[in-house]
Amino acid sequence: MTVVVVFIVVLVVLLVAAFVFVGWRDRERLSSADDSAAARDASAMREQSAAERHAVQGEVWRRGQTPNS
């Protein structure tokens, strides 16, 4: 009985270690300078789009128009 419990504990520890190692390895492989540059570009484009949308809504309000007309 003790041998079975020790075997199961060792198996679980090895599985957890393999899971952690693969996650660490993939995280290292996936992060690069290109990824951060692309994230910055996407963020800038989202902010620009939001600013343009805000400006258009402000013009509609100033002219007293409804947005759908």
C-alpha atoms as a PDB file:
ATOM      1  CA  MET A   1       0.000   0.000   0.000  1.00  0.00           C
ATOM      2  CA  THR A   2       2.819   2.423   0.844  1.00  0.00           C
ATOM      3  CA  VAL A   3       4.505   1.676  -2.469  1.00  0.00           C
ATOM      4  CA  VAL A   4       1.336   2.582  -4.365  1.00  0.00           C
ATOM      5  CA  VAL A   5       0.941   5.898  -2.504  1.00  0.00           C
ATOM      6  CA  VAL A   6       4.598   6.812  -3.103  1.00  0.00           C
ATOM      7  CA  PHE A   7       4.244   5.893  -6.783  1.00  0.00           C
ATOM      8  CA  ILE A   8       1.144   8.076  -7.164  1.00  0.00           C
ATOM      9  CA  VAL A   9       2.809  11.021  -5.385  1.00  0.00           C
ATOM     10  CA  VAL A  10       5.903  10.728  -7.597  1.00  0.00           C
ATOM     11  CA  LEU A  11       3.711  10.537 -10.694  1.00  0.00           C
ATOM     12  CA  VAL A  12       1.752  13.639  -9.680  1.00  0.00           C
ATOM     13  CA  VAL A  13       4.958  15.572  -8.939  1.00  0.00           C
ATOM     14  CA  LEU A  14       6.388  14.634 -12.343  1.00  0.00           C
ATOM     15  CA  LEU A  15       3.202  15.660 -14.127  1.00  0.00           C
ATOM     16  CA  VAL A  16       3.133  19.027 -12.348  1.00  0.00           C
ATOM     17  CA  ALA A  17       6.822  19.588 -13.133  1.00  0.00           C
ATOM     18  CA  ALA A  18       6.243  18.768 -16.811  1.00  0.00           C
ATOM     19  CA  PHE A  19       3.248  21.135 -16.954  1.00  0.00           C
ATOM     20  CA  VAL A  20       5.236  23.978 -15.378  1.00  0.00           C
ATOM     21  CA  PHE A  21       8.231  23.376 -17.645  1.00  0.00           C
ATOM     22  CA  VAL A  22       6.161  23.373 -20.835  1.00  0.00           C
ATOM     23  CA  GLY A  23       4.348  26.548 -19.773  1.00  0.00           C
ATOM     24  CA  TRP A  24       7.631  28.286 -18.985  1.00  0.00           C
ATOM     25  CA  ARG A  25       9.181  27.175 -22.276  1.00  0.00           C
ATOM     26  CA  ASP A  26       6.220  28.349 -24.350  1.00  0.00           C
ATOM     27  CA  ARG A  27       6.083  31.693 -22.572  1.00  0.00           C
ATOM     28  CA  GLU A  28       9.762  32.268 -23.341  1.00  0.00           C
ATOM     29  CA  ARG A  29       9.309  31.282 -26.974  1.00  0.00           C
ATOM     30  CA  LEU A  30       6.211  33.387 -27.598  1.00  0.00           C
ATOM     31  CA  SER A  31       7.479  36.668 -26.191  1.00  0.00           C
ATOM     32  CA  SER A  32       9.595  38.710 -28.554  1.00  0.00           C
ATOM     33  CA  ALA A  33      10.247  42.321 -29.442  1.00  0.00           C
ATOM     34  CA  ASP A  34       7.887  41.992 -32.404  1.00  0.00           C
ATOM     35  CA  ASP A  35       5.056  40.948 -30.100  1.00  0.00           C
ATOM     36  CA  SER A  36       5.431  43.991 -27.869  1.00  0.00           C
ATOM     37  CA  ALA A  37       5.733  46.309 -30.876  1.00  0.00           C
ATOM     38  CA  ALA A  38       2.568  44.834 -32.380  1.00  0.00           C
ATOM     39  CA  ALA A  39       0.760  45.263 -29.057  1.00  0.00           C
ATOM     40  CA  ARG A  40       1.811  48.920 -28.892  1.00  0.00           C
ATOM     41  CA  ASP A  41       0.660  49.509 -32.478  1.00  0.00           C
ATOM     42  CA  ALA A  42      -2.699  47.860 -31.806  1.00  0.00           C
ATOM     43  CA  SER A  43      -3.176  49.936 -28.670  1.00  0.00           C
ATOM     44  CA  ALA A  44      -2.359  53.149 -30.543  1.00  0.00           C
ATOM     45  CA  MET A  45      -4.821  52.258 -33.302  1.00  0.00           C
ATOM     46  CA  ARG A  46      -7.570  51.541 -30.742  1.00  0.00           C
ATOM     47  CA  GLU A  47      -6.941  54.858 -29.008  1.00  0.00           C
ATOM     48  CA  GLN A  48      -6.956  56.736 -32.328  1.00  0.00           C
ATOM     49  CA  SER A  49     -10.229  55.081 -33.355  1.00  0.00           C
ATOM     50  CA  ALA A  50     -11.803  55.955 -30.009  1.00  0.00           C
ATOM     51  CA  ALA A  51     -10.650  59.564 -30.321  1.00  0.00           C
ATOM     52  CA  GLU A  52     -12.076  59.832 -33.833  1.00  0.00           C
ATOM     53  CA  ARG A  53     -15.376  58.306 -32.696  1.00  0.00           C
ATOM     54  CA  HIS A  54     -15.510  60.741 -29.788  1.00  0.00           C
ATOM     55  CA  ALA A  55     -14.856  63.696 -32.116  1.00  0.00           C
ATOM     56  CA  VAL A  56     -17.618  62.620 -34.492  1.00  0.00           C
ATOM     57  CA  GLN A  57     -20.073  62.264 -31.626  1.00  0.00           C
ATOM     58  CA  GLY A  58     -19.113  65.744 -30.411  1.00  0.00           C
ATOM     59  CA  GLU A  59     -19.780  67.226 -33.851  1.00  0.00           C
ATOM     60  CA  VAL A  60     -23.182  65.558 -33.971  1.00  0.00           C
ATOM     61  CA  TRP A  61     -24.052  66.961 -30.549  1.00  0.00           C
ATOM     62  CA  ARG A  62     -22.893  70.499 -31.447  1.00  0.00           C
ATOM     63  CA  ARG A  63     -24.998  70.530 -34.612  1.00  0.00           C
ATOM     64  CA  GLY A  64     -28.075  69.343 -32.741  1.00  0.00           C
ATOM     65  CA  GLN A  65     -28.468  66.298 -34.937  1.00  0.00           C
ATOM     66  CA  THR A  66     -29.311  62.786 -33.957  1.00  0.00           C
ATOM     67  CA  PRO A  67     -26.530  60.240 -34.543  1.00  0.00           C
ATOM     68  CA  ASN A  68     -28.589  58.087 -36.928  1.00  0.00           C
ATOM     69  CA  SER A  69     -29.702  60.801 -39.341  1.00  0.00           C
END
